[in-house]
Amino acid sequence: MTTSNSVNNIEELDKILKSEIAVLLYFNTISCNVGESLEPKVKNLIDINFPKINFYNIDLNFSPEIAAKYNAFVEPTILIFFEGKETIRKSRNISIYELHESIDRLYKLIFE
């Protein structure tokens, strides 16, 4: 099961992106109902289908410098990094099916 790791400083995030092969950043705020309801679905998708991707939560209210660096101003926004490079970006109206399809091909290339 994916644990919800929160990141709220840019130095910590830079270390994570340099040291981990696959990272999902979930940008959201507590006040966003769509983001709050989508988060468990995204975590479940990662847990079941993509266990080598590490899930990190970033609250836009507490991490404006991270949001600015990654142009993540819409909630929710999902950024997925493989080998330190942003490879997938989804915002606002996110389909779990489309997210699965986007991740699947790249995940197989890297891990299989």
PDB file of N, CA and C in Angstrom:
ATOM      1  N   MET A   1       0.843  -1.196   0.000  1.00  0.00           N
ATOM      2  CA  MET A   1       0.000   0.000   0.000  1.00  0.00           C
ATOM      3  C   MET A   1       0.877   1.244   0.000  1.00  0.00           C
ATOM      4  N   THR A   2       0.515   2.196  -0.812  1.00  0.00           N
ATOM      5  CA  THR A   2       1.252   3.443  -0.916  1.00  0.00           C
ATOM      6  C   THR A   2       1.022   4.279   0.341  1.00  0.00           C
ATOM      7  N   THR A   3       2.096   4.754   0.922  1.00  0.00           N
ATOM      8  CA  THR A   3       1.939   5.681   2.033  1.00  0.00           C
ATOM      9  C   THR A   3       1.892   7.083   1.457  1.00  0.00           C
ATOM     10  N   SER A   4       1.171   7.945   2.134  1.00  0.00           N
ATOM     11  CA  SER A   4       1.064   9.314   1.651  1.00  0.00           C
ATOM     12  C   SER A   4       2.202  10.126   2.226  1.00  0.00           C
ATOM     13  N   ASN A   5       3.205  10.340   1.429  1.00  0.00           N
ATOM     14  CA  ASN A   5       4.339  11.168   1.833  1.00  0.00           C
ATOM     15  C   ASN A   5       4.063  12.584   1.382  1.00  0.00           C
ATOM     16  N   SER A   6       4.201  13.506   2.302  1.00  0.00           N
ATOM     17  CA  SER A   6       4.023  14.913   1.943  1.00  0.00           C
ATOM     18  C   SER A   6       5.380  15.562   1.746  1.00  0.00           C
ATOM     19  N   VAL A   7       5.449  16.409   0.746  1.00  0.00           N
ATOM     20  CA  VAL A   7       6.673  17.164   0.482  1.00  0.00           C
ATOM     21  C   VAL A   7       6.269  18.623   0.500  1.00  0.00           C
ATOM     22  N   ASN A   8       7.015  19.454   1.250  1.00  0.00           N
ATOM     23  CA  ASN A   8       6.697  20.868   1.173  1.00  0.00           C
ATOM     24  C   ASN A   8       7.908  21.778   1.087  1.00  0.00           C
ATOM     25  N   ASN A   9       9.069  21.204   0.735  1.00  0.00           N
ATOM     26  CA  ASN A   9      10.158  22.112   0.388  1.00  0.00           C
ATOM     27  C   ASN A   9      10.904  21.605  -0.836  1.00  0.00           C
ATOM     28  N   ILE A  10      11.389  22.564  -1.592  1.00  0.00           N
ATOM     29  CA  ILE A  10      11.939  22.285  -2.912  1.00  0.00           C
ATOM     30  C   ILE A  10      13.224  21.463  -2.848  1.00  0.00           C
ATOM     31  N   GLU A  11      14.029  21.659  -1.811  1.00  0.00           N
ATOM     32  CA  GLU A  11      15.275  20.895  -1.676  1.00  0.00           C
ATOM     33  C   GLU A  11      14.978  19.411  -1.476  1.00  0.00           C
ATOM     34  N   GLU A  12      14.003  19.137  -0.614  1.00  0.00           N
ATOM     35  CA  GLU A  12      13.592  17.744  -0.364  1.00  0.00           C
ATOM     36  C   GLU A  12      13.083  17.102  -1.654  1.00  0.00           C
ATOM     37  N   LEU A  13      12.267  17.837  -2.399  1.00  0.00           N
ATOM     38  CA  LEU A  13      11.726  17.313  -3.654  1.00  0.00           C
ATOM     39  C   LEU A  13      12.839  17.058  -4.667  1.00  0.00           C
ATOM     40  N   ASP A  14      13.810  17.952  -4.756  1.00  0.00           N
ATOM     41  CA  ASP A  14      14.936  17.753  -5.678  1.00  0.00           C
ATOM     42  C   ASP A  14      15.690  16.464  -5.353  1.00  0.00           C
ATOM     43  N   LYS A  15      15.911  16.196  -4.060  1.00  0.00           N
ATOM     44  CA  LYS A  15      16.591  14.961  -3.644  1.00  0.00           C
ATOM     45  C   LYS A  15      15.781  13.734  -4.045  1.00  0.00           C
ATOM     46  N   ILE A  16      14.471  13.794  -3.828  1.00  0.00           N
ATOM     47  CA  ILE A  16      13.589  12.676  -4.183  1.00  0.00           C
ATOM     48  C   ILE A  16      13.675  12.396  -5.680  1.00  0.00           C
ATOM     49  N   LEU A  17      13.571  13.453  -6.496  1.00  0.00           N
ATOM     50  CA  LEU A  17      13.574  13.268  -7.949  1.00  0.00           C
ATOM     51  C   LEU A  17      14.916  12.757  -8.463  1.00  0.00           C
ATOM     52  N   LYS A  18      16.009  13.071  -7.767  1.00  0.00           N
ATOM     53  CA  LYS A  18      17.327  12.578  -8.177  1.00  0.00           C
ATOM     54  C   LYS A  18      17.564  11.138  -7.750  1.00  0.00           C
ATOM     55  N   SER A  19      16.940  10.719  -6.647  1.00  0.00           N
ATOM     56  CA  SER A  19      17.273   9.417  -6.076  1.00  0.00           C
ATOM     57  C   SER A  19      16.267   8.307  -6.388  1.00  0.00           C
ATOM     58  N   GLU A  20      15.068   8.647  -6.827  1.00  0.00           N
ATOM     59  CA  GLU A  20      14.040   7.631  -7.070  1.00  0.00           C
ATOM     60  C   GLU A  20      13.754   7.517  -8.563  1.00  0.00           C
ATOM     61  N   ILE A  21      13.548   6.291  -9.024  1.00  0.00           N
ATOM     62  CA  ILE A  21      13.332   6.050 -10.458  1.00  0.00           C
ATOM     63  C   ILE A  21      11.978   6.561 -10.930  1.00  0.00           C
ATOM     64  N   ALA A  22      10.924   6.327 -10.131  1.00  0.00           N
ATOM     65  CA  ALA A  22       9.574   6.707 -10.554  1.00  0.00           C
ATOM     66  C   ALA A  22       8.855   7.418  -9.411  1.00  0.00           C
ATOM     67  N   VAL A  23       8.354   8.618  -9.710  1.00  0.00           N
ATOM     68  CA  VAL A  23       7.715   9.445  -8.696  1.00  0.00           C
ATOM     69  C   VAL A  23       6.434  10.050  -9.255  1.00  0.00           C
ATOM     70  N   LEU A  24       5.368  10.004  -8.454  1.00  0.00           N
ATOM     71  CA  LEU A  24       4.124  10.685  -8.794  1.00  0.00           C
ATOM     72  C   LEU A  24       3.942  11.811  -7.784  1.00  0.00           C
ATOM     73  N   LEU A  25       3.790  13.033  -8.289  1.00  0.00           N
ATOM     74  CA  LEU A  25       3.499  14.177  -7.435  1.00  0.00           C
ATOM     75  C   LEU A  25       2.031  14.522  -7.599  1.00  0.00           C
ATOM     76  N   TYR A  26       1.332  14.563  -6.480  1.00  0.00           N
ATOM     77  CA  TYR A  26      -0.103  14.872  -6.477  1.00  0.00           C
ATOM     78  C   TYR A  26      -0.290  16.241  -5.835  1.00  0.00           C
ATOM     79  N   PHE A  27      -0.540  17.260  -6.662  1.00  0.00           N
ATOM     80  CA  PHE A  27      -0.738  18.628  -6.187  1.00  0.00           C
ATOM     81  C   PHE A  27      -2.216  18.846  -5.897  1.00  0.00           C
ATOM     82  N   ASN A  28      -2.498  19.335  -4.696  1.00  0.00           N
ATOM     83  CA  ASN A  28      -3.880  19.494  -4.276  1.00  0.00           C
ATOM     84  C   ASN A  28      -3.945  20.460  -3.100  1.00  0.00           C
ATOM     85  N   THR A  29      -5.171  20.816  -2.693  1.00  0.00           N
ATOM     86  CA  THR A  29      -5.381  21.523  -1.426  1.00  0.00           C
ATOM     87  C   THR A  29      -6.511  20.807  -0.699  1.00  0.00           C
ATOM     88  N   ILE A  30      -6.571  21.020   0.600  1.00  0.00           N
ATOM     89  CA  ILE A  30      -7.624  20.389   1.391  1.00  0.00           C
ATOM     90  C   ILE A  30      -9.000  20.895   0.964  1.00  0.00           C
ATOM     91  N   SER A  31      -9.064  22.105   0.451  1.00  0.00           N
ATOM     92  CA  SER A  31     -10.349  22.700   0.074  1.00  0.00           C
ATOM     93  C   SER A  31     -10.875  22.247  -1.286  1.00  0.00           C
ATOM     94  N   CYS A  32     -10.096  21.437  -2.013  1.00  0.00           N
ATOM     95  CA  CYS A  32     -10.533  20.982  -3.342  1.00  0.00           C
ATOM     96  C   CYS A  32     -11.240  19.637  -3.224  1.00  0.00           C
ATOM     97  N   ASN A  33     -12.569  19.657  -3.386  1.00  0.00           N
ATOM     98  CA  ASN A  33     -13.349  18.415  -3.264  1.00  0.00           C
ATOM     99  C   ASN A  33     -13.006  17.403  -4.338  1.00  0.00           C
ATOM    100  N   VAL A  34     -12.782  17.873  -5.562  1.00  0.00           N
ATOM    101  CA  VAL A  34     -12.433  16.961  -6.663  1.00  0.00           C
ATOM    102  C   VAL A  34     -11.109  16.261  -6.341  1.00  0.00           C
ATOM    103  N   GLY A  35     -10.134  17.039  -5.922  1.00  0.00           N
ATOM    104  CA  GLY A  35      -8.828  16.477  -5.587  1.00  0.00           C
ATOM    105  C   GLY A  35      -8.885  15.517  -4.423  1.00  0.00           C
ATOM    106  N   GLU A  36      -9.687  15.842  -3.426  1.00  0.00           N
ATOM    107  CA  GLU A  36      -9.830  14.975  -2.260  1.00  0.00           C
ATOM    108  C   GLU A  36     -10.475  13.646  -2.632  1.00  0.00           C
ATOM    109  N   SER A  37     -11.454  13.663  -3.518  1.00  0.00           N
ATOM    110  CA  SER A  37     -12.119  12.413  -3.902  1.00  0.00           C
ATOM    111  C   SER A  37     -11.293  11.612  -4.901  1.00  0.00           C
ATOM    112  N   LEU A  38     -10.458  12.286  -5.692  1.00  0.00           N
ATOM    113  CA  LEU A  38      -9.638  11.592  -6.691  1.00  0.00           C
ATOM    114  C   LEU A  38      -8.405  10.937  -6.076  1.00  0.00           C
ATOM    115  N   GLU A  39      -7.862  11.534  -5.028  1.00  0.00           N
ATOM    116  CA  GLU A  39      -6.605  11.051  -4.448  1.00  0.00           C
ATOM    117  C   GLU A  39      -6.615   9.562  -4.094  1.00  0.00           C
ATOM    118  N   PRO A  40      -7.633   9.042  -3.372  1.00  0.00           N
ATOM    119  CA  PRO A  40      -7.610   7.605  -3.064  1.00  0.00           C
ATOM    120  C   PRO A  40      -7.681   6.711  -4.309  1.00  0.00           C
ATOM    121  N   LYS A  41      -8.341   7.207  -5.352  1.00  0.00           N
ATOM    122  CA  LYS A  41      -8.425   6.435  -6.605  1.00  0.00           C
ATOM    123  C   LYS A  41      -7.060   6.361  -7.282  1.00  0.00           C
ATOM    124  N   VAL A  42      -6.343   7.479  -7.263  1.00  0.00           N
ATOM    125  CA  VAL A  42      -5.004   7.513  -7.863  1.00  0.00           C
ATOM    126  C   VAL A  42      -4.061   6.623  -7.052  1.00  0.00           C
ATOM    127  N   LYS A  43      -4.120   6.731  -5.721  1.00  0.00           N
ATOM    128  CA  LYS A  43      -3.278   5.885  -4.864  1.00  0.00           C
ATOM    129  C   LYS A  43      -3.549   4.410  -5.120  1.00  0.00           C
ATOM    130  N   ASN A  44      -4.820   4.062  -5.235  1.00  0.00           N
ATOM    131  CA  ASN A  44      -5.208   2.681  -5.491  1.00  0.00           C
ATOM    132  C   ASN A  44      -4.663   2.203  -6.840  1.00  0.00           C
ATOM    133  N   LEU A  45      -4.776   3.032  -7.867  1.00  0.00           N
ATOM    134  CA  LEU A  45      -4.246   2.708  -9.194  1.00  0.00           C
ATOM    135  C   LEU A  45      -2.751   2.413  -9.110  1.00  0.00           C
ATOM    136  N   ILE A  46      -2.018   3.260  -8.402  1.00  0.00           N
ATOM    137  CA  ILE A  46      -0.570   3.091  -8.265  1.00  0.00           C
ATOM    138  C   ILE A  46      -0.249   1.833  -7.459  1.00  0.00           C
ATOM    139  N   ASP A  47      -0.934   1.642  -6.336  1.00  0.00           N
ATOM    140  CA  ASP A  47      -0.712   0.465  -5.481  1.00  0.00           C
ATOM    141  C   ASP A  47      -0.861  -0.834  -6.258  1.00  0.00           C
ATOM    142  N   ILE A  48      -1.947  -0.933  -6.996  1.00  0.00           N
ATOM    143  CA  ILE A  48      -2.289  -2.192  -7.662  1.00  0.00           C
ATOM    144  C   ILE A  48      -1.481  -2.414  -8.939  1.00  0.00           C
ATOM    145  N   ASN A  49      -1.347  -1.369  -9.762  1.00  0.00           N
ATOM    146  CA  ASN A  49      -0.772  -1.546 -11.095  1.00  0.00           C
ATOM    147  C   ASN A  49       0.683  -1.098 -11.249  1.00  0.00           C
ATOM    148  N   PHE A  50       1.100  -0.142 -10.435  1.00  0.00           N
ATOM    149  CA  PHE A  50       2.428   0.447 -10.614  1.00  0.00           C
ATOM    150  C   PHE A  50       3.148   0.594  -9.271  1.00  0.00           C
ATOM    151  N   PRO A  51       3.431  -0.515  -8.606  1.00  0.00           N
ATOM    152  CA  PRO A  51       3.974  -0.445  -7.245  1.00  0.00           C
ATOM    153  C   PRO A  51       5.356   0.189  -7.131  1.00  0.00           C
ATOM    154  N   LYS A  52       6.064   0.331  -8.232  1.00  0.00           N
ATOM    155  CA  LYS A  52       7.404   0.925  -8.164  1.00  0.00           C
ATOM    156  C   LYS A  52       7.387   2.444  -8.280  1.00  0.00           C
ATOM    157  N   ILE A  53       6.191   3.025  -8.426  1.00  0.00           N
ATOM    158  CA  ILE A  53       6.066   4.480  -8.443  1.00  0.00           C
ATOM    159  C   ILE A  53       5.799   4.945  -7.016  1.00  0.00           C
ATOM    160  N   ASN A  54       6.591   5.902  -6.548  1.00  0.00           N
ATOM    161  CA  ASN A  54       6.404   6.458  -5.210  1.00  0.00           C
ATOM    162  C   ASN A  54       5.492   7.677  -5.275  1.00  0.00           C
ATOM    163  N   PHE A  55       4.481   7.690  -4.407  1.00  0.00           N
ATOM    164  CA  PHE A  55       3.439   8.717  -4.391  1.00  0.00           C
ATOM    165  C   PHE A  55       3.785   9.798  -3.374  1.00  0.00           C
ATOM    166  N   TYR A  56       3.778  11.060  -3.810  1.00  0.00           N
ATOM    167  CA  TYR A  56       4.018  12.191  -2.911  1.00  0.00           C
ATOM    168  C   TYR A  56       2.921  13.221  -3.065  1.00  0.00           C
ATOM    169  N   ASN A  57       2.440  13.693  -1.929  1.00  0.00           N
ATOM    170  CA  ASN A  57       1.384  14.686  -1.904  1.00  0.00           C
ATOM    171  C   ASN A  57       2.000  16.066  -1.677  1.00  0.00           C
ATOM    172  N   ILE A  58       1.559  17.042  -2.459  1.00  0.00           N
ATOM    173  CA  ILE A  58       2.042  18.411  -2.295  1.00  0.00           C
ATOM    174  C   ILE A  58       0.829  19.327  -2.150  1.00  0.00           C
ATOM    175  N   ASP A  59       0.717  19.958  -0.988  1.00  0.00           N
ATOM    176  CA  ASP A  59      -0.380  20.890  -0.746  1.00  0.00           C
ATOM    177  C   ASP A  59       0.018  22.250  -1.309  1.00  0.00           C
ATOM    178  N   LEU A  60      -0.751  22.719  -2.276  1.00  0.00           N
ATOM    179  CA  LEU A  60      -0.437  23.986  -2.941  1.00  0.00           C
ATOM    180  C   LEU A  60      -0.406  25.166  -1.970  1.00  0.00           C
ATOM    181  N   ASN A  61      -1.190  25.098  -0.894  1.00  0.00           N
ATOM    182  CA  ASN A  61      -1.216  26.192   0.086  1.00  0.00           C
ATOM    183  C   ASN A  61       0.093  26.294   0.862  1.00  0.00           C
ATOM    184  N   PHE A  62       0.754  25.154   1.098  1.00  0.00           N
ATOM    185  CA  PHE A  62       1.970  25.144   1.906  1.00  0.00           C
ATOM    186  C   PHE A  62       3.243  25.114   1.071  1.00  0.00           C
ATOM    187  N   SER A  63       3.122  24.917  -0.233  1.00  0.00           N
ATOM    188  CA  SER A  63       4.304  24.758  -1.089  1.00  0.00           C
ATOM    189  C   SER A  63       4.213  25.589  -2.362  1.00  0.00           C
ATOM    190  N   PRO A  64       4.004  26.893  -2.236  1.00  0.00           N
ATOM    191  CA  PRO A  64       3.850  27.704  -3.452  1.00  0.00           C
ATOM    192  C   PRO A  64       5.089  27.717  -4.338  1.00  0.00           C
ATOM    193  N   GLU A  65       6.295  27.565  -3.732  1.00  0.00           N
ATOM    194  CA  GLU A  65       7.516  27.578  -4.548  1.00  0.00           C
ATOM    195  C   GLU A  65       7.620  26.312  -5.393  1.00  0.00           C
ATOM    196  N   ILE A  66       7.141  25.183  -4.885  1.00  0.00           N
ATOM    197  CA  ILE A  66       7.139  23.940  -5.681  1.00  0.00           C
ATOM    198  C   ILE A  66       6.122  24.084  -6.813  1.00  0.00           C
ATOM    199  N   ALA A  67       4.939  24.593  -6.489  1.00  0.00           N
ATOM    200  CA  ALA A  67       3.903  24.802  -7.513  1.00  0.00           C
ATOM    201  C   ALA A  67       4.425  25.710  -8.623  1.00  0.00           C
ATOM    202  N   ALA A  68       5.136  26.765  -8.240  1.00  0.00           N
ATOM    203  CA  ALA A  68       5.670  27.706  -9.233  1.00  0.00           C
ATOM    204  C   ALA A  68       6.725  27.038 -10.105  1.00  0.00           C
ATOM    205  N   LYS A  69       7.634  26.288  -9.490  1.00  0.00           N
ATOM    206  CA  LYS A  69       8.708  25.647 -10.249  1.00  0.00           C
ATOM    207  C   LYS A  69       8.152  24.663 -11.284  1.00  0.00           C
ATOM    208  N   TYR A  70       7.076  23.953 -10.919  1.00  0.00           N
ATOM    209  CA  TYR A  70       6.522  22.924 -11.809  1.00  0.00           C
ATOM    210  C   TYR A  70       5.239  23.368 -12.518  1.00  0.00           C
ATOM    211  N   ASN A  71       4.926  24.665 -12.453  1.00  0.00           N
ATOM    212  CA  ASN A  71       3.722  25.194 -13.106  1.00  0.00           C
ATOM    213  C   ASN A  71       2.480  24.375 -12.784  1.00  0.00           C
ATOM    214  N   ALA A  72       2.302  24.073 -11.517  1.00  0.00           N
ATOM    215  CA  ALA A  72       1.147  23.291 -11.070  1.00  0.00           C
ATOM    216  C   ALA A  72       0.234  24.200 -10.258  1.00  0.00           C
ATOM    217  N   PHE A  73      -0.586  24.972 -10.953  1.00  0.00           N
ATOM    218  CA  PHE A  73      -1.445  25.944 -10.277  1.00  0.00           C
ATOM    219  C   PHE A  73      -2.906  25.527 -10.250  1.00  0.00           C
ATOM    220  N   VAL A  74      -3.251  24.479 -10.972  1.00  0.00           N
ATOM    221  CA  VAL A  74      -4.618  23.974 -11.031  1.00  0.00           C
ATOM    222  C   VAL A  74      -4.679  22.748 -10.128  1.00  0.00           C
ATOM    223  N   GLU A  75      -5.776  22.626  -9.391  1.00  0.00           N
ATOM    224  CA  GLU A  75      -5.900  21.449  -8.543  1.00  0.00           C
ATOM    225  C   GLU A  75      -7.034  20.562  -9.018  1.00  0.00           C
ATOM    226  N   PRO A  76      -6.894  19.280  -8.979  1.00  0.00           N
ATOM    227  CA  PRO A  76      -5.634  18.584  -8.741  1.00  0.00           C
ATOM    228  C   PRO A  76      -4.760  18.562  -9.998  1.00  0.00           C
ATOM    229  N   THR A  77      -3.459  18.453  -9.782  1.00  0.00           N
ATOM    230  CA  THR A  77      -2.504  18.244 -10.868  1.00  0.00           C
ATOM    231  C   THR A  77      -1.643  17.056 -10.496  1.00  0.00           C
ATOM    232  N   ILE A  78      -1.423  16.178 -11.467  1.00  0.00           N
ATOM    233  CA  ILE A  78      -0.568  15.014 -11.265  1.00  0.00           C
ATOM    234  C   ILE A  78       0.616  15.141 -12.211  1.00  0.00           C
ATOM    235  N   LEU A  79       1.815  15.033 -11.642  1.00  0.00           N
ATOM    236  CA  LEU A  79       3.035  15.000 -12.452  1.00  0.00           C
ATOM    237  C   LEU A  79       3.723  13.675 -12.160  1.00  0.00           C
ATOM    238  N   ILE A  80       4.135  12.997 -13.213  1.00  0.00           N
ATOM    239  CA  ILE A  80       4.844  11.732 -13.037  1.00  0.00           C
ATOM    240  C   ILE A  80       6.223  11.868 -13.663  1.00  0.00           C
ATOM    241  N   PHE A  81       7.218  11.490 -12.874  1.00  0.00           N
ATOM    242  CA  PHE A  81       8.611  11.568 -13.285  1.00  0.00           C
ATOM    243  C   PHE A  81       9.185  10.169 -13.389  1.00  0.00           C
ATOM    244  N   PHE A  82       9.868   9.888 -14.481  1.00  0.00           N
ATOM    245  CA  PHE A  82      10.650   8.665 -14.626  1.00  0.00           C
ATOM    246  C   PHE A  82      12.095   9.097 -14.793  1.00  0.00           C
ATOM    247  N   GLU A  83      12.953   8.560 -13.939  1.00  0.00           N
ATOM    248  CA  GLU A  83      14.386   8.875 -13.967  1.00  0.00           C
ATOM    249  C   GLU A  83      14.634  10.385 -13.931  1.00  0.00           C
ATOM    250  N   GLY A  84      13.869  11.093 -13.080  1.00  0.00           N
ATOM    251  CA  GLY A  84      14.070  12.516 -12.861  1.00  0.00           C
ATOM    252  C   GLY A  84      13.475  13.442 -13.901  1.00  0.00           C
ATOM    253  N   LYS A  85      12.840  12.878 -14.931  1.00  0.00           N
ATOM    254  CA  LYS A  85      12.262  13.706 -15.990  1.00  0.00           C
ATOM    255  C   LYS A  85      10.740  13.651 -15.939  1.00  0.00           C
ATOM    256  N   GLU A  86      10.111  14.823 -16.026  1.00  0.00           N
ATOM    257  CA  GLU A  86       8.649  14.850 -16.076  1.00  0.00           C
ATOM    258  C   GLU A  86       8.206  14.214 -17.386  1.00  0.00           C
ATOM    259  N   THR A  87       7.381  13.167 -17.278  1.00  0.00           N
ATOM    260  CA  THR A  87       6.942  12.465 -18.486  1.00  0.00           C
ATOM    261  C   THR A  87       5.427  12.502 -18.670  1.00  0.00           C
ATOM    262  N   ILE A  88       4.694  12.707 -17.584  1.00  0.00           N
ATOM    263  CA  ILE A  88       3.229  12.755 -17.677  1.00  0.00           C
ATOM    264  C   ILE A  88       2.741  13.917 -16.827  1.00  0.00           C
ATOM    265  N   ARG A  89       1.767  14.657 -17.383  1.00  0.00           N
ATOM    266  CA  ARG A  89       1.138  15.764 -16.660  1.00  0.00           C
ATOM    267  C   ARG A  89      -0.354  15.694 -16.923  1.00  0.00           C
ATOM    268  N   LYS A  90      -1.125  15.642 -15.845  1.00  0.00           N
ATOM    269  CA  LYS A  90      -2.591  15.644 -15.949  1.00  0.00           C
ATOM    270  C   LYS A  90      -3.117  16.673 -14.960  1.00  0.00           C
ATOM    271  N   SER A  91      -4.129  17.441 -15.386  1.00  0.00           N
ATOM    272  CA  SER A  91      -4.708  18.451 -14.503  1.00  0.00           C
ATOM    273  C   SER A  91      -6.226  18.466 -14.593  1.00  0.00           C
ATOM    274  N   ARG A  92      -6.794  18.960 -13.510  1.00  0.00           N
ATOM    275  CA  ARG A  92      -8.229  19.213 -13.348  1.00  0.00           C
ATOM    276  C   ARG A  92      -9.102  17.985 -13.594  1.00  0.00           C
ATOM    277  N   ASN A  93      -9.643  17.806 -14.778  1.00  0.00           N
ATOM    278  CA  ASN A  93     -10.538  16.675 -15.042  1.00  0.00           C
ATOM    279  C   ASN A  93      -9.714  15.462 -15.453  1.00  0.00           C
ATOM    280  N   ILE A  94      -9.368  14.658 -14.459  1.00  0.00           N
ATOM    281  CA  ILE A  94      -8.450  13.544 -14.682  1.00  0.00           C
ATOM    282  C   ILE A  94      -9.232  12.242 -14.718  1.00  0.00           C
ATOM    283  N   SER A  95      -9.064  11.511 -15.796  1.00  0.00           N
ATOM    284  CA  SER A  95      -9.684  10.192 -15.932  1.00  0.00           C
ATOM    285  C   SER A  95      -8.699   9.144 -15.431  1.00  0.00           C
ATOM    286  N   ILE A  96      -9.149   8.305 -14.501  1.00  0.00           N
ATOM    287  CA  ILE A  96      -8.288   7.242 -13.977  1.00  0.00           C
ATOM    288  C   ILE A  96      -7.888   6.295 -15.110  1.00  0.00           C
ATOM    289  N   TYR A  97      -8.814   6.012 -16.010  1.00  0.00           N
ATOM    290  CA  TYR A  97      -8.518   5.133 -17.143  1.00  0.00           C
ATOM    291  C   TYR A  97      -7.410   5.732 -18.022  1.00  0.00           C
ATOM    292  N   GLU A  98      -7.536   7.015 -18.360  1.00  0.00           N
ATOM    293  CA  GLU A  98      -6.518   7.674 -19.198  1.00  0.00           C
ATOM    294  C   GLU A  98      -5.176   7.751 -18.479  1.00  0.00           C
ATOM    295  N   LEU A  99      -5.218   8.002 -17.171  1.00  0.00           N
ATOM    296  CA  LEU A  99      -3.994   8.046 -16.387  1.00  0.00           C
ATOM    297  C   LEU A  99      -3.310   6.677 -16.421  1.00  0.00           C
ATOM    298  N   HIS A 100      -4.098   5.623 -16.254  1.00  0.00           N
ATOM    299  CA  HIS A 100      -3.571   4.250 -16.309  1.00  0.00           C
ATOM    300  C   HIS A 100      -2.901   3.989 -17.657  1.00  0.00           C
ATOM    301  N   GLU A 101      -3.584   4.345 -18.718  1.00  0.00           N
ATOM    302  CA  GLU A 101      -3.044   4.132 -20.067  1.00  0.00           C
ATOM    303  C   GLU A 101      -1.733   4.902 -20.269  1.00  0.00           C
ATOM    304  N   SER A 102      -1.686   6.135 -19.794  1.00  0.00           N
ATOM    305  CA  SER A 102      -0.490   6.966 -19.950  1.00  0.00           C
ATOM    306  C   SER A 102       0.710   6.378 -19.213  1.00  0.00           C
ATOM    307  N   ILE A 103       0.471   5.907 -18.000  1.00  0.00           N
ATOM    308  CA  ILE A 103       1.553   5.372 -17.182  1.00  0.00           C
ATOM    309  C   ILE A 103       2.020   4.013 -17.699  1.00  0.00           C
ATOM    310  N   ASP A 104       1.087   3.182 -18.107  1.00  0.00           N
ATOM    311  CA  ASP A 104       1.348   1.778 -18.429  1.00  0.00           C
ATOM    312  C   ASP A 104       2.496   1.577 -19.412  1.00  0.00           C
ATOM    313  N   ARG A 105       2.462   2.278 -20.515  1.00  0.00           N
ATOM    314  CA  ARG A 105       3.469   2.095 -21.565  1.00  0.00           C
ATOM    315  C   ARG A 105       4.870   2.450 -21.050  1.00  0.00           C
ATOM    316  N   LEU A 106       4.984   3.603 -20.414  1.00  0.00           N
ATOM    317  CA  LEU A 106       6.289   4.044 -19.905  1.00  0.00           C
ATOM    318  C   LEU A 106       6.789   3.146 -18.776  1.00  0.00           C
ATOM    319  N   TYR A 107       5.885   2.753 -17.912  1.00  0.00           N
ATOM    320  CA  TYR A 107       6.234   1.888 -16.776  1.00  0.00           C
ATOM    321  C   TYR A 107       6.826   0.570 -17.276  1.00  0.00           C
ATOM    322  N   LYS A 108       6.176   0.001 -18.297  1.00  0.00           N
ATOM    323  CA  LYS A 108       6.673  -1.270 -18.866  1.00  0.00           C
ATOM    324  C   LYS A 108       8.041  -1.080 -19.515  1.00  0.00           C
ATOM    325  N   LEU A 109       8.243   0.039 -20.203  1.00  0.00           N
ATOM    326  CA  LEU A 109       9.550   0.294 -20.833  1.00  0.00           C
ATOM    327  C   LEU A 109      10.667   0.354 -19.793  1.00  0.00           C
ATOM    328  N   ILE A 110      10.384   0.945 -18.649  1.00  0.00           N
ATOM    329  CA  ILE A 110      11.415   1.148 -17.633  1.00  0.00           C
ATOM    330  C   ILE A 110      11.607  -0.082 -16.736  1.00  0.00           C
ATOM    331  N   PHE A 111      10.514  -0.723 -16.346  1.00  0.00           N
ATOM    332  CA  PHE A 111      10.611  -1.773 -15.331  1.00  0.00           C
ATOM    333  C   PHE A 111      10.503  -3.207 -15.852  1.00  0.00           C
ATOM    334  N   GLU A 112      10.188  -3.391 -17.133  1.00  0.00           N
ATOM    335  CA  GLU A 112      10.038  -4.769 -17.615  1.00  0.00           C
ATOM    336  C   GLU A 112      11.038  -5.084 -18.713  1.00  0.00           C
TER     337      GLU A 112
END
